């Protein structure tokens, strides 16, 4: 089995405001999925609990499924729902 993967996690709009940061490096075990990343973030508690369990996510600028496996160096953007009228 390979070592941990480092994921560059980006937060936009309301997520960025709530979390007080636009970017966070997260280390996950090899074979981790987008869903694992979201769970790891939510488990940090505090403001991170506002993240939905299945947010809209883009990996390397492409919208993807929560079951997608992440690779070392991937950039994951968590995109909040957009309100409008």
N, C-alpha and C. Protein backbone atom coordinates (compact mmCIF):
# COMPACT_ATOMS: atom_id res chain seq x y z
N UNK A 1 0.85 -1.19 0.00
CA UNK A 1 0.00 0.00 0.00
C UNK A 1 0.88 1.24 0.00
N UNK A 2 0.44 2.25 -0.64
CA UNK A 2 1.19 3.49 -0.75
C UNK A 2 0.91 4.39 0.45
N UNK A 3 1.76 5.41 0.63
CA UNK A 3 1.62 6.35 1.73
C UNK A 3 0.44 7.28 1.52
N UNK A 4 0.32 8.24 2.42
CA UNK A 4 -0.82 9.17 2.34
C UNK A 4 -0.78 10.04 1.09
N UNK A 5 -1.94 10.53 0.71
CA UNK A 5 -2.05 11.46 -0.41
C UNK A 5 -2.35 12.85 0.16
N UNK A 6 -1.72 13.86 -0.42
CA UNK A 6 -1.96 15.23 0.01
C UNK A 6 -2.92 15.89 -0.97
N UNK A 7 -4.01 16.42 -0.43
CA UNK A 7 -5.07 17.00 -1.25
C UNK A 7 -5.16 18.50 -0.96
N UNK A 8 -5.12 19.30 -1.99
CA UNK A 8 -5.34 20.74 -1.86
C UNK A 8 -6.84 20.97 -1.95
N UNK A 9 -7.42 21.39 -0.83
CA UNK A 9 -8.87 21.56 -0.76
C UNK A 9 -9.21 23.05 -0.81
N UNK A 10 -10.09 23.42 -1.73
CA UNK A 10 -10.48 24.82 -1.91
C UNK A 10 -11.93 25.01 -1.49
N UNK A 11 -12.18 26.15 -0.84
CA UNK A 11 -13.53 26.49 -0.40
C UNK A 11 -13.94 27.80 -1.06
N UNK A 12 -15.17 27.89 -1.54
CA UNK A 12 -15.64 29.08 -2.24
C UNK A 12 -16.87 29.68 -1.56
N UNK A 13 -17.09 30.94 -1.83
CA UNK A 13 -18.29 31.68 -1.42
C UNK A 13 -18.61 31.47 0.06
N UNK A 14 -19.83 31.00 0.36
CA UNK A 14 -20.27 30.90 1.76
C UNK A 14 -19.40 29.93 2.55
N UNK A 15 -18.86 28.87 1.93
CA UNK A 15 -17.99 27.95 2.66
C UNK A 15 -16.72 28.68 3.09
N UNK A 16 -16.17 29.48 2.21
CA UNK A 16 -14.96 30.24 2.53
C UNK A 16 -15.24 31.21 3.69
N UNK A 17 -16.37 31.87 3.65
CA UNK A 17 -16.73 32.81 4.72
C UNK A 17 -16.91 32.09 6.04
N UNK A 18 -17.64 30.98 6.04
CA UNK A 18 -17.92 30.25 7.27
C UNK A 18 -16.66 29.63 7.88
N UNK A 19 -15.77 29.14 7.03
CA UNK A 19 -14.58 28.45 7.53
C UNK A 19 -13.42 29.40 7.79
N UNK A 20 -13.49 30.62 7.25
CA UNK A 20 -12.44 31.59 7.46
C UNK A 20 -11.18 31.31 6.67
N UNK A 21 -11.28 30.45 5.67
CA UNK A 21 -10.13 30.15 4.82
C UNK A 21 -10.62 29.72 3.44
N UNK A 22 -9.81 29.95 2.45
CA UNK A 22 -10.16 29.54 1.10
C UNK A 22 -9.44 28.28 0.66
N UNK A 23 -8.49 27.82 1.50
CA UNK A 23 -7.69 26.67 1.09
C UNK A 23 -7.16 25.92 2.31
N UNK A 24 -7.06 24.61 2.16
CA UNK A 24 -6.56 23.78 3.25
C UNK A 24 -5.90 22.55 2.65
N UNK A 25 -4.72 22.19 3.14
CA UNK A 25 -4.07 20.95 2.73
C UNK A 25 -4.58 19.85 3.65
N UNK A 26 -4.99 18.74 3.08
CA UNK A 26 -5.50 17.61 3.86
C UNK A 26 -4.76 16.35 3.44
N UNK A 27 -4.24 15.62 4.41
CA UNK A 27 -3.59 14.33 4.14
C UNK A 27 -4.60 13.22 4.40
N UNK A 28 -4.71 12.33 3.43
CA UNK A 28 -5.64 11.19 3.52
C UNK A 28 -4.89 9.91 3.19
N UNK A 29 -5.40 8.77 3.63
CA UNK A 29 -4.75 7.51 3.25
C UNK A 29 -4.92 7.24 1.75
N UNK A 30 -3.98 6.51 1.20
CA UNK A 30 -4.07 6.11 -0.20
C UNK A 30 -5.39 5.41 -0.45
N UNK A 31 -6.00 5.69 -1.58
CA UNK A 31 -7.28 5.06 -1.94
C UNK A 31 -8.49 5.82 -1.43
N UNK A 32 -8.25 6.95 -0.74
CA UNK A 32 -9.37 7.74 -0.19
C UNK A 32 -10.19 8.34 -1.33
N UNK A 33 -11.47 8.51 -1.06
CA UNK A 33 -12.40 9.07 -2.04
C UNK A 33 -12.76 10.50 -1.67
N UNK A 34 -13.49 11.16 -2.57
CA UNK A 34 -14.03 12.49 -2.30
C UNK A 34 -14.88 12.44 -1.03
N UNK A 35 -15.69 11.42 -0.90
CA UNK A 35 -16.54 11.26 0.27
C UNK A 35 -15.70 11.16 1.55
N UNK A 36 -14.57 10.45 1.49
CA UNK A 36 -13.67 10.35 2.64
C UNK A 36 -13.12 11.72 3.02
N UNK A 37 -12.78 12.52 2.01
CA UNK A 37 -12.28 13.87 2.26
C UNK A 37 -13.33 14.70 2.99
N UNK A 38 -14.56 14.67 2.50
CA UNK A 38 -15.63 15.46 3.12
C UNK A 38 -15.86 14.99 4.56
N UNK A 39 -15.84 13.68 4.78
CA UNK A 39 -16.00 13.15 6.14
C UNK A 39 -14.87 13.62 7.05
N UNK A 40 -13.65 13.62 6.53
CA UNK A 40 -12.50 14.07 7.32
C UNK A 40 -12.64 15.55 7.68
N UNK A 41 -13.11 16.35 6.74
CA UNK A 41 -13.30 17.77 7.02
C UNK A 41 -14.40 17.97 8.06
N UNK A 42 -15.52 17.30 7.88
CA UNK A 42 -16.65 17.46 8.81
C UNK A 42 -16.27 17.00 10.22
N UNK A 43 -15.38 16.01 10.32
CA UNK A 43 -14.99 15.49 11.63
C UNK A 43 -14.11 16.46 12.41
N UNK A 44 -13.63 17.52 11.76
CA UNK A 44 -12.84 18.53 12.46
C UNK A 44 -13.71 19.34 13.42
N UNK A 45 -15.03 19.25 13.26
CA UNK A 45 -15.95 19.95 14.15
C UNK A 45 -16.03 21.44 13.85
N UNK A 46 -16.63 22.16 14.75
CA UNK A 46 -16.78 23.61 14.59
C UNK A 46 -17.48 23.96 13.29
N UNK A 47 -16.96 24.98 12.62
CA UNK A 47 -17.58 25.45 11.37
C UNK A 47 -17.59 24.39 10.29
N UNK A 48 -16.68 23.41 10.35
CA UNK A 48 -16.63 22.39 9.31
C UNK A 48 -17.89 21.53 9.28
N UNK A 49 -18.64 21.52 10.37
CA UNK A 49 -19.86 20.71 10.39
C UNK A 49 -20.95 21.29 9.49
N UNK A 50 -20.79 22.54 9.03
CA UNK A 50 -21.78 23.13 8.12
C UNK A 50 -21.67 22.53 6.72
N UNK A 51 -20.55 21.90 6.42
CA UNK A 51 -20.40 21.28 5.10
C UNK A 51 -21.39 20.13 4.97
N UNK A 52 -22.14 20.10 3.87
CA UNK A 52 -23.06 18.97 3.68
C UNK A 52 -22.27 17.69 3.46
N UNK A 53 -22.87 16.56 3.75
CA UNK A 53 -22.17 15.28 3.59
C UNK A 53 -21.89 14.97 2.12
N UNK A 54 -22.67 15.55 1.22
CA UNK A 54 -22.43 15.35 -0.21
C UNK A 54 -22.51 16.69 -0.95
N UNK A 55 -21.51 17.56 -0.77
CA UNK A 55 -21.53 18.84 -1.46
C UNK A 55 -21.18 18.68 -2.94
N UNK A 56 -21.44 19.72 -3.72
CA UNK A 56 -20.97 19.73 -5.10
C UNK A 56 -19.45 19.83 -5.04
N UNK A 57 -18.77 18.97 -5.80
CA UNK A 57 -17.32 18.89 -5.72
C UNK A 57 -16.72 18.81 -7.12
N UNK A 58 -15.62 19.53 -7.30
CA UNK A 58 -14.84 19.41 -8.53
C UNK A 58 -13.44 18.96 -8.16
N UNK A 59 -12.93 17.96 -8.87
CA UNK A 59 -11.56 17.50 -8.68
C UNK A 59 -10.78 17.92 -9.92
N UNK A 60 -9.74 18.70 -9.70
CA UNK A 60 -8.93 19.22 -10.80
C UNK A 60 -9.80 19.90 -11.86
N UNK A 61 -10.73 20.72 -11.37
CA UNK A 61 -11.62 21.56 -12.16
C UNK A 61 -12.67 20.80 -12.97
N UNK A 62 -12.96 19.55 -12.58
CA UNK A 62 -14.00 18.77 -13.25
C UNK A 62 -14.96 18.25 -12.19
N UNK A 63 -16.26 18.57 -12.34
CA UNK A 63 -17.25 18.05 -11.40
C UNK A 63 -17.16 16.54 -11.36
N UNK A 64 -17.28 16.00 -10.16
CA UNK A 64 -17.10 14.56 -10.02
C UNK A 64 -18.03 13.97 -8.97
N UNK A 65 -18.04 12.67 -8.90
CA UNK A 65 -18.87 11.88 -8.00
C UNK A 65 -18.17 11.71 -6.65
N UNK A 66 -18.94 11.63 -5.55
CA UNK A 66 -18.33 11.44 -4.22
C UNK A 66 -17.50 10.16 -4.10
N UNK A 67 -17.76 9.18 -4.96
CA UNK A 67 -17.02 7.91 -4.90
C UNK A 67 -15.68 7.97 -5.64
N UNK A 68 -15.37 9.09 -6.30
CA UNK A 68 -14.13 9.21 -7.06
C UNK A 68 -12.92 9.08 -6.12
N UNK A 69 -11.95 8.28 -6.54
CA UNK A 69 -10.73 8.08 -5.75
C UNK A 69 -9.77 9.24 -6.02
N UNK A 70 -9.19 9.76 -4.94
CA UNK A 70 -8.28 10.89 -5.04
C UNK A 70 -6.83 10.43 -5.18
N UNK A 71 -6.04 11.24 -5.86
CA UNK A 71 -4.61 10.97 -6.04
C UNK A 71 -3.80 12.08 -5.39
N UNK A 72 -2.57 11.76 -5.04
CA UNK A 72 -1.69 12.75 -4.42
C UNK A 72 -1.60 13.99 -5.31
N UNK A 73 -1.77 15.16 -4.70
CA UNK A 73 -1.66 16.41 -5.43
C UNK A 73 -2.96 16.89 -6.06
N UNK A 74 -4.03 16.13 -5.94
CA UNK A 74 -5.31 16.56 -6.50
C UNK A 74 -5.76 17.87 -5.85
N UNK A 75 -6.49 18.66 -6.62
CA UNK A 75 -7.11 19.88 -6.12
C UNK A 75 -8.62 19.64 -6.09
N UNK A 76 -9.19 19.73 -4.90
CA UNK A 76 -10.62 19.49 -4.72
C UNK A 76 -11.30 20.78 -4.30
N UNK A 77 -12.29 21.20 -5.06
CA UNK A 77 -13.04 22.41 -4.76
C UNK A 77 -14.42 22.02 -4.25
N UNK A 78 -14.77 22.55 -3.08
CA UNK A 78 -16.11 22.34 -2.54
C UNK A 78 -16.92 23.56 -2.89
N UNK A 79 -18.01 23.34 -3.62
CA UNK A 79 -18.79 24.44 -4.19
C UNK A 79 -20.16 24.49 -3.52
N UNK A 80 -20.44 25.60 -2.83
CA UNK A 80 -21.73 25.70 -2.15
C UNK A 80 -22.87 25.89 -3.13
N UNK A 81 -24.11 25.59 -2.70
CA UNK A 81 -25.25 25.81 -3.58
C UNK A 81 -25.36 27.31 -3.88
N UNK A 82 -25.81 27.60 -5.07
CA UNK A 82 -25.97 29.00 -5.48
C UNK A 82 -27.43 29.38 -5.37
N UNK A 83 -27.69 30.45 -4.64
CA UNK A 83 -29.06 30.96 -4.52
C UNK A 83 -29.25 32.08 -5.54
N UNK A 84 -30.42 32.21 -6.00
CA UNK A 84 -30.71 33.26 -6.97
C UNK A 84 -32.16 33.24 -7.34
N UNK A 85 -32.50 34.18 -8.17
CA UNK A 85 -33.89 34.21 -8.54
C UNK A 85 -34.12 34.81 -9.87
